[in-house]
Amino acid sequence: MAGSQLFEEETLAVRSIRLLGDPVLRARASEVVDFDRPLRRLVKDLGDTMVEANGVGLAAPQLGIGLRVFTYLVPSSEDDDGGHVAHLVNPSIAEEDPDQVEDDEGCLSVPGISYPLKRPRRVVARGFDGHGEPVEVTGTLRLARCILHETDHLNGVIFLDRLEPELRREALKEFRERMLAGESIQVEKSPHRPLL
């Protein structure tokens, strides 16, 4: 068998992103116990889907998979919108800065909806990579927001749940009205500005 046939090129695996109302988004995801090839395939699919949607983070439940895994975009520098995709398996938040920063937040599972929300300025998250090796990630500002947002997804929490009650009602009403009007609700672009 020729070498090129032994190593087929990996194909882009973009999946549909689950929208608000899907029960998988409200369930606590299960711990990953097998750090195997299917897990690494899931990580790749998460990354491919996130990049295709111009997102900065994506959790496995958003693809309909109840496992504690998410991908996120690591900026390459403060002056560059580029970066690389990283992931965290079985994350836990080890530290949260008490200093809070308010910024607009949205979600690929609630497209077109963005509201101001306070989150800690800095966080430290611990978990594992796709091979089971320990990983520690320190994030500030938007990366901190992304880590907390995606960890919330793994606990069945949508960012709307963290809004003040009046804003939450407004956001849910806006989303419902768009759905009832038959508006095409698709993920076209991330509701977040690029990580800086």
C-alpha atoms as a PDB file:
ATOM      1  CA  MET A   1       0.000   0.000   0.000  1.00  0.00           C
ATOM      2  CA  ALA A   2       1.403   3.408  -0.908  1.00  0.00           C
ATOM      3  CA  GLY A   3       2.314   5.789   1.917  1.00  0.00           C
ATOM      4  CA  SER A   4      -0.245   8.338   0.766  1.00  0.00           C
ATOM      5  CA  GLN A   5      -2.975   5.730   1.188  1.00  0.00           C
ATOM      6  CA  LEU A   6      -1.831   4.867   4.702  1.00  0.00           C
ATOM      7  CA  PHE A   7      -2.209   8.428   5.939  1.00  0.00           C
ATOM      8  CA  GLU A   8      -5.361   9.924   4.515  1.00  0.00           C
ATOM      9  CA  GLU A   9      -5.632  13.657   4.986  1.00  0.00           C
ATOM     10  CA  GLU A  10      -7.945  14.621   7.840  1.00  0.00           C
ATOM     11  CA  THR A  11     -11.074  16.292   6.543  1.00  0.00           C
ATOM     12  CA  LEU A  12     -12.745  19.326   8.015  1.00  0.00           C
ATOM     13  CA  ALA A  13     -15.538  18.130  10.299  1.00  0.00           C
ATOM     14  CA  VAL A  14     -17.930  21.005  10.846  1.00  0.00           C
ATOM     15  CA  ARG A  15     -21.030  20.019  12.788  1.00  0.00           C
ATOM     16  CA  SER A  16     -24.321  21.753  13.503  1.00  0.00           C
ATOM     17  CA  ILE A  17     -24.359  23.910  16.611  1.00  0.00           C
ATOM     18  CA  ARG A  18     -27.272  23.243  18.972  1.00  0.00           C
ATOM     19  CA  LEU A  19     -29.473  26.242  19.717  1.00  0.00           C
ATOM     20  CA  LEU A  20     -31.130  27.467  22.889  1.00  0.00           C
ATOM     21  CA  GLY A  21     -34.036  25.152  23.675  1.00  0.00           C
ATOM     22  CA  ASP A  22     -32.093  21.946  23.012  1.00  0.00           C
ATOM     23  CA  PRO A  23     -32.105  19.930  26.285  1.00  0.00           C
ATOM     24  CA  VAL A  24     -28.439  18.922  25.889  1.00  0.00           C
ATOM     25  CA  LEU A  25     -27.507  22.553  26.607  1.00  0.00           C
ATOM     26  CA  ARG A  26     -29.179  22.334  30.029  1.00  0.00           C
ATOM     27  CA  ALA A  27     -27.650  19.063  31.248  1.00  0.00           C
ATOM     28  CA  ARG A  28     -24.404  18.827  33.213  1.00  0.00           C
ATOM     29  CA  ALA A  29     -21.840  17.163  30.961  1.00  0.00           C
ATOM     30  CA  SER A  30     -20.096  13.968  32.092  1.00  0.00           C
ATOM     31  CA  GLU A  31     -16.432  13.719  32.976  1.00  0.00           C
ATOM     32  CA  VAL A  32     -14.218  12.309  30.237  1.00  0.00           C
ATOM     33  CA  VAL A  33     -12.747   8.975  31.352  1.00  0.00           C
ATOM     34  CA  ASP A  34     -11.229   7.698  28.100  1.00  0.00           C
ATOM     35  CA  PHE A  35      -8.479   9.818  26.583  1.00  0.00           C
ATOM     36  CA  ASP A  36      -8.599   8.023  23.277  1.00  0.00           C
ATOM     37  CA  ARG A  37      -8.854   8.579  19.554  1.00  0.00           C
ATOM     38  CA  PRO A  38     -12.618   9.380  19.596  1.00  0.00           C
ATOM     39  CA  LEU A  39     -11.942  12.112  22.176  1.00  0.00           C
ATOM     40  CA  ARG A  40      -9.233  13.627  20.001  1.00  0.00           C
ATOM     41  CA  ARG A  41     -11.616  13.455  17.019  1.00  0.00           C
ATOM     42  CA  LEU A  42     -14.222  15.316  19.071  1.00  0.00           C
ATOM     43  CA  VAL A  43     -11.631  17.979  19.953  1.00  0.00           C
ATOM     44  CA  LYS A  44     -10.803  18.381  16.253  1.00  0.00           C
ATOM     45  CA  ASP A  45     -14.502  18.610  15.319  1.00  0.00           C
ATOM     46  CA  LEU A  46     -15.045  21.234  18.040  1.00  0.00           C
ATOM     47  CA  GLY A  47     -12.121  23.260  16.752  1.00  0.00           C
ATOM     48  CA  ASP A  48     -13.173  22.975  13.095  1.00  0.00           C
ATOM     49  CA  THR A  49     -16.757  23.966  13.918  1.00  0.00           C
ATOM     50  CA  MET A  50     -15.677  26.862  16.135  1.00  0.00           C
ATOM     51  CA  VAL A  51     -13.334  28.248  13.471  1.00  0.00           C
ATOM     52  CA  GLU A  52     -15.948  27.854  10.716  1.00  0.00           C
ATOM     53  CA  ALA A  53     -18.457  29.802  12.858  1.00  0.00           C
ATOM     54  CA  ASN A  54     -15.853  32.507  13.581  1.00  0.00           C
ATOM     55  CA  GLY A  55     -16.210  31.670  17.262  1.00  0.00           C
ATOM     56  CA  VAL A  56     -13.800  32.104  20.134  1.00  0.00           C
ATOM     57  CA  GLY A  57     -15.006  29.083  22.117  1.00  0.00           C
ATOM     58  CA  LEU A  58     -17.208  26.017  21.728  1.00  0.00           C
ATOM     59  CA  ALA A  59     -18.207  23.326  24.223  1.00  0.00           C
ATOM     60  CA  ALA A  60     -19.060  19.703  23.412  1.00  0.00           C
ATOM     61  CA  PRO A  61     -22.722  20.075  24.538  1.00  0.00           C
ATOM     62  CA  GLN A  62     -23.126  22.698  21.805  1.00  0.00           C
ATOM     63  CA  LEU A  63     -22.519  19.857  19.338  1.00  0.00           C
ATOM     64  CA  GLY A  64     -24.961  17.621  21.220  1.00  0.00           C
ATOM     65  CA  ILE A  65     -22.262  15.680  23.084  1.00  0.00           C
ATOM     66  CA  GLY A  66     -22.523  15.623  26.875  1.00  0.00           C
ATOM     67  CA  LEU A  67     -18.813  15.477  27.685  1.00  0.00           C
ATOM     68  CA  ARG A  68     -16.687  17.978  29.610  1.00  0.00           C
ATOM     69  CA  VAL A  69     -14.589  19.293  26.722  1.00  0.00           C
ATOM     70  CA  PHE A  70     -14.290  22.698  25.093  1.00  0.00           C
ATOM     71  CA  THR A  71     -12.113  24.438  22.545  1.00  0.00           C
ATOM     72  CA  TYR A  72     -11.096  28.077  22.554  1.00  0.00           C
ATOM     73  CA  LEU A  73      -9.097  30.497  20.466  1.00  0.00           C
ATOM     74  CA  VAL A  74      -5.767  31.601  21.927  1.00  0.00           C
ATOM     75  CA  PRO A  75      -4.790  34.985  20.485  1.00  0.00           C
ATOM     76  CA  SER A  76      -1.303  35.119  18.984  1.00  0.00           C
ATOM     77  CA  SER A  77      -0.698  38.685  20.218  1.00  0.00           C
ATOM     78  CA  GLU A  78      -2.589  41.685  21.500  1.00  0.00           C
ATOM     79  CA  ASP A  79      -2.364  43.364  18.090  1.00  0.00           C
ATOM     80  CA  ASP A  80      -3.465  40.354  16.037  1.00  0.00           C
ATOM     81  CA  ASP A  81      -6.912  38.786  15.608  1.00  0.00           C
ATOM     82  CA  GLY A  82      -5.264  35.498  14.616  1.00  0.00           C
ATOM     83  CA  GLY A  83      -4.295  32.756  16.967  1.00  0.00           C
ATOM     84  CA  HIS A  84      -4.503  29.038  17.417  1.00  0.00           C
ATOM     85  CA  VAL A  85      -7.134  26.653  18.690  1.00  0.00           C
ATOM     86  CA  ALA A  86      -6.597  25.006  22.073  1.00  0.00           C
ATOM     87  CA  HIS A  87      -8.800  22.759  24.186  1.00  0.00           C
ATOM     88  CA  LEU A  88      -9.431  21.746  27.761  1.00  0.00           C
ATOM     89  CA  VAL A  89     -10.849  18.430  28.974  1.00  0.00           C
ATOM     90  CA  ASN A  90     -12.514  18.074  32.409  1.00  0.00           C
ATOM     91  CA  PRO A  91     -11.833  21.717  33.285  1.00  0.00           C
ATOM     92  CA  SER A  92     -12.135  23.196  36.732  1.00  0.00           C
ATOM     93  CA  ILE A  93     -11.745  26.828  37.697  1.00  0.00           C
ATOM     94  CA  ALA A  94      -8.869  26.984  40.177  1.00  0.00           C
ATOM     95  CA  GLU A  95      -8.807  30.777  40.676  1.00  0.00           C
ATOM     96  CA  GLU A  96     -11.118  33.690  39.904  1.00  0.00           C
ATOM     97  CA  ASP A  97     -10.069  37.314  40.278  1.00  0.00           C
ATOM     98  CA  PRO A  98     -12.566  39.175  42.493  1.00  0.00           C
ATOM     99  CA  ASP A  99     -12.232  42.179  40.142  1.00  0.00           C
ATOM    100  CA  GLN A 100     -15.123  42.031  37.654  1.00  0.00           C
ATOM    101  CA  VAL A 101     -15.211  43.473  34.132  1.00  0.00           C
ATOM    102  CA  GLU A 102     -18.401  44.161  32.188  1.00  0.00           C
ATOM    103  CA  ASP A 103     -18.413  43.464  28.455  1.00  0.00           C
ATOM    104  CA  ASP A 104     -20.902  42.332  25.841  1.00  0.00           C
ATOM    105  CA  GLU A 105     -21.292  38.575  25.764  1.00  0.00           C
ATOM    106  CA  GLY A 106     -23.066  36.353  23.289  1.00  0.00           C
ATOM    107  CA  CYS A 107     -23.180  32.684  22.399  1.00  0.00           C
ATOM    108  CA  LEU A 108     -23.066  30.584  19.246  1.00  0.00           C
ATOM    109  CA  SER A 109     -26.084  28.692  20.637  1.00  0.00           C
ATOM    110  CA  VAL A 110     -28.046  31.942  20.969  1.00  0.00           C
ATOM    111  CA  PRO A 111     -27.031  33.674  17.726  1.00  0.00           C
ATOM    112  CA  GLY A 112     -27.708  37.346  17.275  1.00  0.00           C
ATOM    113  CA  ILE A 113     -28.178  37.972  21.008  1.00  0.00           C
ATOM    114  CA  SER A 114     -25.517  39.926  22.921  1.00  0.00           C
ATOM    115  CA  TYR A 115     -25.802  41.576  26.338  1.00  0.00           C
ATOM    116  CA  PRO A 116     -23.447  43.166  28.869  1.00  0.00           C
ATOM    117  CA  LEU A 117     -22.346  40.762  31.589  1.00  0.00           C
ATOM    118  CA  LYS A 118     -19.812  41.032  34.410  1.00  0.00           C
ATOM    119  CA  ARG A 119     -17.172  38.315  34.640  1.00  0.00           C
ATOM    120  CA  PRO A 120     -13.897  38.044  36.588  1.00  0.00           C
ATOM    121  CA  ARG A 121     -10.966  39.885  34.986  1.00  0.00           C
ATOM    122  CA  ARG A 122      -8.652  36.873  35.377  1.00  0.00           C
ATOM    123  CA  VAL A 123      -9.104  33.134  35.867  1.00  0.00           C
ATOM    124  CA  VAL A 124      -6.940  30.063  36.142  1.00  0.00           C
ATOM    125  CA  ALA A 125      -8.417  26.821  34.816  1.00  0.00           C
ATOM    126  CA  ARG A 126      -6.987  23.332  35.182  1.00  0.00           C
ATOM    127  CA  GLY A 127      -7.794  20.220  33.211  1.00  0.00           C
ATOM    128  CA  PHE A 128      -6.244  17.884  30.657  1.00  0.00           C
ATOM    129  CA  ASP A 129      -5.391  17.731  26.993  1.00  0.00           C
ATOM    130  CA  GLY A 130      -6.716  15.073  24.622  1.00  0.00           C
ATOM    131  CA  HIS A 131      -3.977  12.658  25.690  1.00  0.00           C
ATOM    132  CA  GLY A 132      -4.709  12.986  29.425  1.00  0.00           C
ATOM    133  CA  GLU A 133      -1.760  15.278  30.196  1.00  0.00           C
ATOM    134  CA  PRO A 134      -2.422  17.999  32.825  1.00  0.00           C
ATOM    135  CA  VAL A 135      -2.954  21.534  31.505  1.00  0.00           C
ATOM    136  CA  GLU A 136      -3.240  24.871  33.285  1.00  0.00           C
ATOM    137  CA  VAL A 137      -4.593  27.929  31.458  1.00  0.00           C
ATOM    138  CA  THR A 138      -4.471  31.493  32.740  1.00  0.00           C
ATOM    139  CA  GLY A 139      -6.822  33.888  31.002  1.00  0.00           C
ATOM    140  CA  THR A 140      -7.410  37.602  31.389  1.00  0.00           C
ATOM    141  CA  LEU A 141     -10.222  39.765  30.091  1.00  0.00           C
ATOM    142  CA  ARG A 142     -11.787  38.125  27.008  1.00  0.00           C
ATOM    143  CA  LEU A 143      -9.924  34.832  27.391  1.00  0.00           C
ATOM    144  CA  ALA A 144     -11.081  34.682  31.029  1.00  0.00           C
ATOM    145  CA  ARG A 145     -14.634  35.405  29.843  1.00  0.00           C
ATOM    146  CA  CYS A 146     -14.383  32.660  27.212  1.00  0.00           C
ATOM    147  CA  ILE A 147     -13.059  30.056  29.685  1.00  0.00           C
ATOM    148  CA  LEU A 148     -15.854  30.835  32.150  1.00  0.00           C
ATOM    149  CA  HIS A 149     -18.507  30.903  29.405  1.00  0.00           C
ATOM    150  CA  GLU A 150     -17.468  27.491  28.043  1.00  0.00           C
ATOM    151  CA  THR A 151     -17.142  25.979  31.530  1.00  0.00           C
ATOM    152  CA  ASP A 152     -20.682  27.206  32.207  1.00  0.00           C
ATOM    153  CA  HIS A 153     -21.842  25.272  29.117  1.00  0.00           C
ATOM    154  CA  LEU A 154     -20.407  22.094  30.645  1.00  0.00           C
ATOM    155  CA  ASN A 155     -22.570  22.724  33.713  1.00  0.00           C
ATOM    156  CA  GLY A 156     -25.767  23.314  31.737  1.00  0.00           C
ATOM    157  CA  VAL A 157     -25.599  27.096  32.173  1.00  0.00           C
ATOM    158  CA  ILE A 158     -26.190  29.552  29.317  1.00  0.00           C
ATOM    159  CA  PHE A 159     -24.827  33.093  29.643  1.00  0.00           C
ATOM    160  CA  LEU A 160     -28.420  34.394  29.668  1.00  0.00           C
ATOM    161  CA  ASP A 161     -28.841  32.691  33.063  1.00  0.00           C
ATOM    162  CA  ARG A 162     -26.242  35.078  34.505  1.00  0.00           C
ATOM    163  CA  LEU A 163     -27.961  38.259  33.308  1.00  0.00           C
ATOM    164  CA  GLU A 164     -29.998  40.466  35.610  1.00  0.00           C
ATOM    165  CA  PRO A 165     -33.618  39.195  35.539  1.00  0.00           C
ATOM    166  CA  GLU A 166     -34.954  42.083  33.419  1.00  0.00           C
ATOM    167  CA  LEU A 167     -32.193  41.740  30.812  1.00  0.00           C
ATOM    168  CA  ARG A 168     -32.661  37.970  30.777  1.00  0.00           C
ATOM    169  CA  ARG A 169     -36.395  38.338  30.059  1.00  0.00           C
ATOM    170  CA  GLU A 170     -35.597  40.835  27.289  1.00  0.00           C
ATOM    171  CA  ALA A 171     -33.019  38.499  25.699  1.00  0.00           C
ATOM    172  CA  LEU A 172     -35.333  35.474  25.835  1.00  0.00           C
ATOM    173  CA  LYS A 173     -38.187  37.506  24.367  1.00  0.00           C
ATOM    174  CA  GLU A 174     -35.943  38.727  21.545  1.00  0.00           C
ATOM    175  CA  PHE A 175     -34.820  35.176  20.759  1.00  0.00           C
ATOM    176  CA  ARG A 176     -38.399  33.792  20.884  1.00  0.00           C
ATOM    177  CA  GLU A 177     -39.700  36.559  18.626  1.00  0.00           C
ATOM    178  CA  ARG A 178     -37.028  35.834  16.046  1.00  0.00           C
ATOM    179  CA  MET A 179     -37.895  32.135  16.130  1.00  0.00           C
ATOM    180  CA  LEU A 180     -41.664  32.742  15.895  1.00  0.00           C
ATOM    181  CA  ALA A 181     -41.198  35.194  13.026  1.00  0.00           C
ATOM    182  CA  GLY A 182     -39.591  32.365  11.099  1.00  0.00           C
ATOM    183  CA  GLU A 183     -36.348  34.275  10.936  1.00  0.00           C
ATOM    184  CA  SER A 184     -33.521  32.061   9.820  1.00  0.00           C
ATOM    185  CA  ILE A 185     -31.527  31.579  12.983  1.00  0.00           C
ATOM    186  CA  GLN A 186     -28.147  30.329  11.972  1.00  0.00           C
ATOM    187  CA  VAL A 187     -24.675  30.721  13.318  1.00  0.00           C
ATOM    188  CA  GLU A 188     -23.017  32.992  10.807  1.00  0.00           C
ATOM    189  CA  LYS A 189     -20.496  34.880  12.897  1.00  0.00           C
ATOM    190  CA  SER A 190     -19.458  34.794  16.508  1.00  0.00           C
ATOM    191  CA  PRO A 191     -21.248  37.292  18.747  1.00  0.00           C
ATOM    192  CA  HIS A 192     -17.874  37.981  20.395  1.00  0.00           C
ATOM    193  CA  ARG A 193     -15.249  40.356  19.168  1.00  0.00           C
ATOM    194  CA  PRO A 194     -11.903  38.637  18.560  1.00  0.00           C
ATOM    195  CA  LEU A 195      -9.879  37.933  21.693  1.00  0.00           C
ATOM    196  CA  LEU A 196      -7.332  40.671  22.343  1.00  0.00           C
END
